[in-house]
Amino acid sequence: MRRGLITLVIALLFAAPVFIAGEEAPKKPTPKDKCPVCGMFVHKYPDFLALIIFKDGSAAFFDGAKDMFKYYFNQQKYSPNQKEADVDSVYVADYYSLGTIDAAKAYYVLGSDVYGPMGNELIPFEKEAEARVFMKDHKGKSLLRFQDITYAMVKGME
């Protein structure tokens, strides 16, 4: 019995990093990864990087949140073999920290005087207060959450 307890404790110690770490860190693009929407090499634009990770472990990288949303809303066009139900997680780069953040929890500024690699861009922030300061400093028109953004909005940004 004591040997079984020791084995259990050792097993838990080895498993602990998995539980502590939580979900896997977002993937990084290689020099060969292209945005499936516009065809640009995304590794050149880490400040605007967006990413969709699918349940099968594959990923799609984007040169900005705008193209990520275009893809997200119209997956059938860009990746006919993937469905919305296949999406595991979505990430964007926080404009100020450049850290990778959960796209569903981000705040997005629309209509600012800051442009991304493809022109007009949704500028993501982890913190609402930072998004509001940015809006004021850069003439942003709207502050949106993930669920507020529509395909018509991103299509109209071209």
Foldseek 3Di string as FASTA:
>chain_A
DVVVVVVVVVVCVVCVVVVVVDDDDDDQFDQPAAALQPGHRQNVQLLAKKKWAFPVGDIGIDQHPLSVQLCLQCVCVRPVVDDNVRTDFIWTQQNVVSDIDGQQQWKWFFDFQDATPVGGHTHTHNDPVVVVVRCVVGVTDDIDGPVVDDNVVSVVRD
